Amino acid sequence: MADYPTETHRFTSPDGVELAWTEMGEGRAAVLIHGYFSNAQVNWIKYGHAAKLAAKGFRVIMPDLRGHGLSGKPHDPAAYPPDVLMRDGFALIGHLGLTDYDLGGYSLGGRTALRMLVNGATPRRAVLSGMGLAGLVDTQGRGAYFRRVLANLGSFERGTSEWMTEAFLKTTKGDPQALLNVLETFVDTSEVEIAAIDVPILVVTGIDDDDNGSGEAVAKLLPHGRFASVPGNHMSAVVQPELGQAIADFLAA
């Protein structure tokens, strides 16, 4: 896989929080949103997913969500109203003047992309990865798990799911207080809303990933949904080359 240079830029959101995004490649715009605790570098660049898209002629645009990565991490809860991540996504698309683009995300990024879709985003194609039906219609289920991890850092037995989550937080140098605030932004999406999305969508999850429920159930609800699985669970599927390949092949088709 060829090395593609990256450039990181920043802009100010409508409510004054500085947001960062990183770009790779040239051509058709594809906006990819990372997962909770992660960032653009870890989710999309480190394991070669963005490079696979760049090789197919895409300008890959990878925001860092507020509270994550190189974006602002305010501790004031007022900076984290419901659905603010969705509005940040629209703000970036507006800032860049994108009218014809593709959209995708992993885990929280997939949910954020879906929130954009049900609020009027009109990409040509979209990808929801690492996200199942339960994680869309009942966001507090997963939120309670992360709230427990963030409130009890340093107390988990080695090898447990919570310990692995905390270890990932350390690798991404996450800000626990900002990430707790991010949990307050989650908004449920109804099955009726999902079934009304009139965009071709690939739903792709790890074959052993049941953290957010069934990805296949999401694909069945969508009028133009298709489902694919890749090796791994929620934490390991995102490092597999098959994930980037599936996304690149679908968006380039």
Protein backbone atom coordinates (compact mmCIF):
# COMPACT_ATOMS: atom_id res chain seq x y z
CA MET A 1 0.00 0.00 0.00
CA ALA A 2 1.46 3.34 -1.04
CA ASP A 3 2.13 6.01 1.57
CA TYR A 4 -0.17 8.99 1.19
CA PRO A 5 0.65 12.24 2.98
CA THR A 6 -1.84 13.62 5.47
CA GLU A 7 -2.72 17.19 6.38
CA THR A 8 -4.52 18.25 9.54
CA HIS A 9 -6.69 21.36 9.64
CA ARG A 10 -8.89 23.09 12.20
CA PHE A 11 -12.03 25.20 12.21
CA THR A 12 -14.32 26.62 14.87
CA SER A 13 -17.72 25.03 15.35
CA PRO A 14 -20.82 27.25 15.59
CA ASP A 15 -20.69 27.07 19.41
CA GLY A 16 -17.01 28.01 19.55
CA VAL A 17 -15.31 24.61 20.05
CA GLU A 18 -12.25 24.09 17.85
CA LEU A 19 -12.59 20.96 15.71
CA ALA A 20 -9.81 19.21 13.81
CA TRP A 21 -9.90 17.05 10.72
CA THR A 22 -7.21 15.19 8.79
CA GLU A 23 -7.20 14.64 5.03
CA MET A 24 -5.54 12.04 2.81
CA GLY A 25 -5.71 11.65 -0.95
CA GLU A 26 -7.39 13.56 -3.76
CA GLY A 27 -10.66 13.13 -5.64
CA ARG A 28 -14.17 12.34 -4.49
CA ALA A 29 -14.83 13.36 -0.87
CA ALA A 30 -15.44 10.60 1.68
CA VAL A 31 -16.05 11.72 5.27
CA LEU A 32 -15.13 9.01 7.80
CA ILE A 33 -15.94 9.43 11.51
CA HIS A 34 -14.02 7.49 14.18
CA GLY A 35 -15.31 5.64 17.23
CA TYR A 36 -15.61 6.56 20.91
CA PHE A 37 -12.25 6.90 22.75
CA SER A 38 -10.50 6.83 19.35
CA ASN A 39 -9.44 9.46 16.79
CA ALA A 40 -8.88 9.79 13.06
CA GLN A 41 -5.24 8.67 13.27
CA VAL A 42 -5.94 5.44 15.17
CA ASN A 43 -9.25 4.50 13.54
CA TRP A 44 -8.56 5.25 9.87
CA ILE A 45 -4.88 5.97 9.19
CA LYS A 46 -2.84 3.66 11.43
CA TYR A 47 -4.16 0.40 9.95
CA GLY A 48 -4.30 1.51 6.32
CA HIS A 49 -8.05 1.97 5.80
CA ALA A 50 -7.78 5.57 4.59
CA ALA A 51 -4.93 4.64 2.24
CA LYS A 52 -7.14 2.02 0.60
CA LEU A 53 -9.68 4.74 -0.19
CA ALA A 54 -7.01 7.18 -1.34
CA ALA A 55 -5.73 4.50 -3.72
CA LYS A 56 -9.20 4.35 -5.29
CA GLY A 57 -9.29 8.08 -5.94
CA PHE A 58 -10.87 9.46 -2.76
CA ARG A 59 -10.16 12.58 -0.75
CA VAL A 60 -10.60 11.03 2.69
CA ILE A 61 -11.77 13.57 5.28
CA MET A 62 -11.46 12.32 8.86
CA PRO A 63 -12.70 14.57 11.67
CA ASP A 64 -11.73 14.19 15.30
CA LEU A 65 -14.99 14.33 17.26
CA ARG A 66 -15.23 16.97 19.97
CA GLY A 67 -13.76 15.57 23.17
CA HIS A 68 -11.37 13.41 21.12
CA GLY A 69 -8.02 13.53 19.36
CA LEU A 70 -6.85 16.95 18.22
CA SER A 71 -10.26 18.59 18.64
CA GLY A 72 -11.27 20.71 21.61
CA LYS A 73 -11.99 18.84 24.85
CA PRO A 74 -13.97 21.29 26.97
CA HIS A 75 -14.95 20.09 30.44
CA ASP A 76 -18.06 22.29 30.60
CA PRO A 77 -21.12 20.02 30.20
CA ALA A 78 -22.83 22.84 28.28
CA ALA A 79 -20.50 22.04 25.35
CA TYR A 80 -22.08 18.58 25.00
CA PRO A 81 -25.81 18.98 24.26
CA PRO A 82 -27.73 16.07 22.70
CA ASP A 83 -26.79 15.40 19.05
CA VAL A 84 -23.93 17.91 19.03
CA LEU A 85 -21.69 15.37 17.24
CA MET A 86 -24.24 15.20 14.41
CA ARG A 87 -24.28 19.00 14.19
CA ASP A 88 -20.47 19.09 14.18
CA GLY A 89 -20.56 16.73 11.19
CA PHE A 90 -22.85 19.08 9.30
CA ALA A 91 -20.66 22.03 10.32
CA LEU A 92 -17.60 20.36 8.79
CA ILE A 93 -19.44 19.53 5.57
CA GLY A 94 -20.63 23.13 5.39
CA HIS A 95 -17.17 24.50 6.18
CA LEU A 96 -15.67 22.44 3.35
CA GLY A 97 -18.54 23.25 0.98
CA LEU A 98 -19.21 19.58 0.24
CA THR A 99 -22.32 18.88 -1.83
CA ASP A 100 -21.41 15.52 -3.41
CA TYR A 101 -19.71 13.21 -0.94
CA ASP A 102 -19.79 9.81 0.76
CA LEU A 103 -20.16 9.30 4.51
CA GLY A 104 -19.11 6.59 6.92
CA GLY A 105 -18.15 5.81 10.47
CA TYR A 106 -17.05 3.16 12.94
CA SER A 107 -18.94 2.51 16.22
CA LEU A 108 -19.87 5.96 17.62
CA GLY A 109 -18.80 7.31 14.22
CA GLY A 110 -21.29 5.00 12.54
CA ARG A 111 -24.02 6.14 14.91
CA THR A 112 -23.07 9.78 14.25
CA ALA A 113 -23.26 9.20 10.50
CA LEU A 114 -26.69 7.65 10.98
CA ARG A 115 -27.85 10.65 13.04
CA MET A 116 -26.72 12.85 10.15
CA LEU A 117 -28.67 10.70 7.70
CA VAL A 118 -31.92 10.91 9.67
CA ASN A 119 -31.42 14.67 10.00
CA GLY A 120 -31.13 15.35 6.29
CA ALA A 121 -27.61 14.43 5.15
CA THR A 122 -27.65 13.33 1.50
CA PRO A 123 -24.42 11.48 0.72
CA ARG A 124 -24.25 9.38 -2.44
CA ARG A 125 -23.40 6.31 -0.36
CA ALA A 126 -22.83 5.60 3.32
CA VAL A 127 -21.10 3.00 5.49
CA LEU A 128 -22.10 2.06 9.04
CA SER A 129 -19.37 -0.07 10.60
CA GLY A 130 -18.96 -1.48 14.10
CA MET A 131 -22.55 -0.58 14.95
CA GLY A 132 -25.65 -2.72 15.42
CA LEU A 133 -29.33 -2.09 15.96
CA ALA A 134 -29.25 -2.02 19.77
CA GLY A 135 -26.53 0.65 19.71
CA LEU A 136 -28.73 2.85 17.53
CA VAL A 137 -32.15 2.48 19.15
CA ASP A 138 -30.96 2.27 22.80
CA THR A 139 -27.81 4.36 23.14
CA GLN A 140 -27.81 4.37 26.95
CA GLY A 141 -27.19 0.63 27.07
CA ARG A 142 -23.63 1.08 25.81
CA GLY A 143 -23.36 4.46 27.48
CA ALA A 144 -23.79 2.87 30.92
CA TYR A 145 -20.85 0.53 30.24
CA PHE A 146 -18.51 3.40 29.30
CA ARG A 147 -19.73 5.52 32.22
CA ARG A 148 -18.76 2.67 34.56
CA VAL A 149 -15.29 2.37 33.00
CA LEU A 150 -14.59 6.10 33.16
CA ALA A 151 -15.82 6.37 36.75
CA ASN A 152 -13.66 3.47 37.98
CA LEU A 153 -10.35 3.80 36.11
CA GLY A 154 -7.56 1.69 37.55
CA SER A 155 -9.86 -0.79 39.29
CA PHE A 156 -10.44 -3.45 36.64
CA GLU A 157 -8.99 -6.94 36.55
CA ARG A 158 -6.44 -7.50 33.81
CA GLY A 159 -7.92 -9.08 30.70
CA THR A 160 -11.54 -8.04 31.36
CA SER A 161 -13.51 -6.06 28.82
CA GLU A 162 -13.31 -2.98 31.06
CA TRP A 163 -9.55 -3.36 31.45
CA MET A 164 -9.16 -3.59 27.65
CA THR A 165 -11.31 -0.48 27.21
CA GLU A 166 -9.18 1.42 29.73
CA ALA A 167 -6.00 0.23 28.00
CA PHE A 168 -7.33 1.62 24.70
CA LEU A 169 -8.12 4.92 26.44
CA LYS A 170 -4.47 5.12 27.50
CA THR A 171 -3.16 4.45 23.99
CA THR A 172 -5.30 7.28 22.57
CA LYS A 173 -4.46 9.60 25.51
CA GLY A 174 -8.17 10.22 26.01
CA ASP A 175 -9.50 12.88 28.39
CA PRO A 176 -11.83 11.04 30.82
CA GLN A 177 -13.88 14.10 31.81
CA ALA A 178 -14.47 15.19 28.20
CA LEU A 179 -15.36 11.61 27.26
CA LEU A 180 -17.87 11.38 30.11
CA ASN A 181 -19.48 14.54 28.75
CA VAL A 182 -19.65 13.00 25.25
CA LEU A 183 -21.95 10.29 26.67
CA GLU A 184 -24.57 13.00 27.26
CA THR A 185 -24.75 13.73 23.52
CA PHE A 186 -26.15 10.31 22.57
CA VAL A 187 -29.62 10.31 20.98
CA ASP A 188 -31.69 7.22 20.16
CA THR A 189 -32.89 6.61 16.59
CA SER A 190 -36.13 4.72 16.01
CA GLU A 191 -36.50 1.77 13.66
CA VAL A 192 -39.03 3.84 11.70
CA GLU A 193 -36.40 6.56 11.15
CA ILE A 194 -33.80 4.01 10.09
CA ALA A 195 -36.23 2.39 7.63
CA ALA A 196 -36.82 5.79 5.98
CA ILE A 197 -33.17 6.40 4.97
CA ASP A 198 -33.13 6.42 1.17
CA VAL A 199 -29.37 6.02 0.62
CA PRO A 200 -27.36 2.92 -0.41
CA ILE A 201 -25.67 1.80 2.80
CA LEU A 202 -23.14 -0.90 3.65
CA VAL A 203 -23.40 -2.19 7.22
CA VAL A 204 -20.17 -3.99 8.14
CA THR A 205 -19.23 -5.44 11.52
CA GLY A 206 -16.76 -7.87 13.00
CA ILE A 207 -18.07 -11.43 12.86
CA ASP A 208 -17.62 -11.70 16.65
CA ASP A 209 -18.80 -8.16 17.44
CA ASP A 210 -22.04 -8.10 19.41
CA ASP A 211 -21.20 -5.01 21.50
CA ASN A 212 -23.93 -2.95 19.82
CA GLY A 213 -26.30 -5.69 18.73
CA SER A 214 -26.90 -6.95 15.21
CA GLY A 215 -25.51 -5.15 12.17
CA GLU A 216 -27.46 -7.50 9.96
CA ALA A 217 -30.71 -6.28 11.57
CA VAL A 218 -29.79 -2.70 10.62
CA ALA A 219 -29.13 -3.69 7.01
CA LYS A 220 -32.51 -5.46 6.83
CA LEU A 221 -34.31 -2.34 8.06
CA LEU A 222 -32.65 -0.08 5.49
CA PRO A 223 -34.38 0.18 2.09
CA HIS A 224 -30.99 0.02 0.32
CA GLY A 225 -28.90 -1.75 2.94
CA ARG A 226 -26.44 -4.56 2.51
CA PHE A 227 -24.51 -6.41 5.20
CA ALA A 228 -20.94 -7.70 5.33
CA SER A 229 -18.82 -9.12 8.11
CA VAL A 230 -15.05 -8.96 8.63
CA PRO A 231 -12.84 -10.91 11.06
CA GLY A 232 -12.70 -9.87 14.69
CA ASN A 233 -14.72 -8.42 17.56
CA HIS A 234 -15.50 -4.77 18.29
CA MET A 235 -11.94 -3.93 19.34
CA SER A 236 -10.09 -6.08 16.80
CA ALA A 237 -12.20 -5.75 13.64
CA VAL A 238 -11.10 -2.12 13.27
CA VAL A 239 -7.46 -3.18 12.76
CA GLN A 240 -8.25 -5.77 10.08
CA PRO A 241 -7.36 -4.92 6.46
CA GLU A 242 -10.68 -6.45 5.41
CA LEU A 243 -12.55 -3.55 7.02
CA GLY A 244 -10.85 -0.88 4.94
CA GLN A 245 -11.16 -3.04 1.84
CA ALA A 246 -14.90 -3.53 2.33
CA ILE A 247 -15.43 0.22 2.79
CA ALA A 248 -13.25 1.16 -0.19
CA ASP A 249 -14.85 -1.42 -2.50
CA PHE A 250 -18.38 -0.31 -1.60
CA LEU A 251 -17.73 3.41 -1.96
CA ALA A 252 -15.81 2.96 -5.21
CA ALA A 253 -18.39 0.65 -6.83
